[in-house]
Protein backbone atom coordinates (compact mmCIF):
# COMPACT_ATOMS: atom_id res chain seq x y z
CA UNK A 1 217.84 220.91 12.53
CA UNK A 2 217.50 217.14 12.14
CA UNK A 3 220.82 216.63 13.89
CA UNK A 4 219.58 218.70 16.83
CA UNK A 5 216.47 216.54 17.06
CA UNK A 6 218.56 213.37 17.03
CA UNK A 7 220.78 214.57 19.85
CA UNK A 8 218.02 215.97 22.05
CA UNK A 9 217.99 214.61 25.57
CA UNK A 10 214.84 212.67 26.43
CA UNK A 11 213.38 211.57 29.73
CA UNK A 12 213.63 207.98 30.89
CA UNK A 13 209.87 207.50 30.39
CA UNK A 14 210.11 208.45 26.74
CA UNK A 15 212.97 206.05 26.13
CA UNK A 16 211.72 203.13 28.24
CA UNK A 17 215.12 203.15 29.93
CA UNK A 18 216.19 203.08 33.55
CA UNK A 19 217.28 206.44 35.00
CA UNK A 20 220.94 205.36 34.83
CA UNK A 21 220.72 205.52 31.04
CA UNK A 22 219.77 209.21 30.83
CA UNK A 23 221.66 211.52 28.54
CA UNK A 24 221.74 212.67 24.95
CA UNK A 25 220.35 210.14 22.52
CA UNK A 26 220.89 209.31 18.89
CA UNK A 27 219.08 207.28 16.30
CA UNK A 28 220.96 204.50 14.63
CA UNK A 29 219.56 202.70 11.63
CA UNK A 30 220.02 198.96 11.53
CA UNK A 31 218.80 196.35 9.10
CA UNK A 32 217.19 193.26 10.59
CA UNK A 33 216.29 190.00 8.86
CA UNK A 34 212.56 189.90 8.19
CA UNK A 35 211.91 186.99 10.58
CA UNK A 36 213.74 188.71 13.45
CA UNK A 37 211.95 192.00 12.80
CA UNK A 38 208.54 190.27 12.78
CA UNK A 39 209.41 188.50 16.04
CA UNK A 40 210.36 191.88 17.51
CA UNK A 41 207.04 193.43 16.40
CA UNK A 42 205.05 190.53 17.86
CA UNK A 43 207.00 190.61 21.13
CA UNK A 44 206.41 194.34 21.51
CA UNK A 45 202.70 193.86 20.88
CA UNK A 46 202.32 190.95 23.31
CA UNK A 47 204.44 192.57 26.03
CA UNK A 48 202.74 195.95 25.51
CA UNK A 49 206.06 197.73 25.22
CA UNK A 50 208.07 199.40 22.50
CA UNK A 51 210.31 197.62 20.05
CA UNK A 52 213.10 199.99 21.08
CA UNK A 53 212.84 198.92 24.74
CA UNK A 54 213.21 195.26 23.74
CA UNK A 55 216.32 196.12 21.72
CA UNK A 56 217.71 198.02 24.71
CA UNK A 57 217.04 195.03 27.00
CA UNK A 58 218.84 192.77 24.53
CA UNK A 59 221.84 195.13 24.47
CA UNK A 60 221.85 195.31 28.27
CA UNK A 61 221.87 191.50 28.48
CA UNK A 62 224.73 191.35 25.98
CA UNK A 63 226.69 193.90 28.04
CA UNK A 64 226.13 191.80 31.17
CA UNK A 65 227.21 188.62 29.39
CA UNK A 66 230.34 190.25 27.98
CA UNK A 67 231.41 193.03 30.36
CA UNK A 68 235.05 193.02 29.26
CA UNK A 69 235.28 195.64 26.50
CA UNK A 70 238.50 194.30 24.95
CA UNK A 71 237.27 190.70 24.74
CA UNK A 72 235.94 190.15 21.20
CA UNK A 73 232.68 188.36 20.48
CA UNK A 74 232.37 185.78 17.75
CA UNK A 75 229.93 187.47 15.39
CA UNK A 76 228.47 185.44 12.57
CA UNK A 77 227.45 186.69 9.17
CA UNK A 78 223.68 187.03 9.04
CA UNK A 79 221.96 186.26 5.76
CA UNK A 80 218.92 188.27 4.77
CA UNK A 81 219.94 191.67 6.06
CA UNK A 82 220.42 193.26 2.65
CA UNK A 83 216.79 192.59 1.88
CA UNK A 84 215.79 192.97 5.49
CA UNK A 85 213.82 195.63 7.27
CA UNK A 86 215.32 198.99 8.20
CA UNK A 87 214.75 199.80 11.82
CA UNK A 88 215.76 202.91 13.78
CA UNK A 89 217.04 202.29 17.28
CA UNK A 90 217.26 205.14 19.80
CA UNK A 91 220.42 204.82 21.88
CA UNK A 92 222.19 206.90 24.47
CA UNK A 93 225.69 208.03 23.60
CA UNK A 94 227.16 205.62 26.18
CA UNK A 95 225.34 202.60 24.73
CA UNK A 96 226.25 203.63 21.19
CA UNK A 97 229.93 203.96 22.15
CA UNK A 98 229.86 200.55 23.83
CA UNK A 99 228.36 198.97 20.71
CA UNK A 100 230.81 200.79 18.46
CA UNK A 101 233.85 199.75 20.48
CA UNK A 102 232.65 196.15 20.99
CA UNK A 103 231.92 195.77 17.26
CA UNK A 104 235.38 197.13 16.41
CA UNK A 105 237.10 194.76 18.86
CA UNK A 106 235.01 191.89 17.49
CA UNK A 107 235.93 192.80 13.90
CA UNK A 108 232.28 193.12 12.95
CA UNK A 109 229.62 195.75 12.49
CA UNK A 110 227.25 197.31 14.98
CA UNK A 111 224.42 195.79 12.95
CA UNK A 112 225.88 192.29 13.47
CA UNK A 113 226.17 193.01 17.18
CA UNK A 114 222.53 194.16 17.40
CA UNK A 115 221.34 191.07 15.54
CA UNK A 116 223.39 188.82 17.85
CA UNK A 117 221.95 190.57 20.91
CA UNK A 118 218.37 190.22 19.64
CA UNK A 119 218.84 186.56 18.69
CA UNK A 120 220.26 185.78 22.14
CA UNK A 121 217.38 187.67 23.77
CA UNK A 122 214.92 185.76 21.60
CA UNK A 123 216.44 182.40 22.57
CA UNK A 124 216.39 183.28 26.28
CA UNK A 125 212.93 184.91 26.46
CA UNK A 126 210.91 183.50 23.61
CA UNK A 127 207.60 182.22 24.85
CA UNK A 128 205.61 183.32 21.81
CA UNK A 129 206.18 180.29 19.61
């Protein structure tokens, strides 16, 4: 039953995604460093949007910056994730597969890729500090 709920198709309004991102979705659990998670919470509050939509924007920006699937990214080890905050991200199958393949080609984890995407998004859009 839980698997069926995870794979249920949602509308674009419910996901805060553009219509091009429609399709079955899945939840993926990641572990963010506490400081990055708190920044994400504050950004969502200030922007009056969901934390998930900010993560999706960060992934979209990463995809635009690195459109070549076979070109690996230099992913760094992030300290503080073992004691970090668990966070569920709702992704479409296409986005999940992109993350999975890009992480594999980069010899890293999807979690490292999500953290890199959020940190880049934070650097480029941070006007809260």
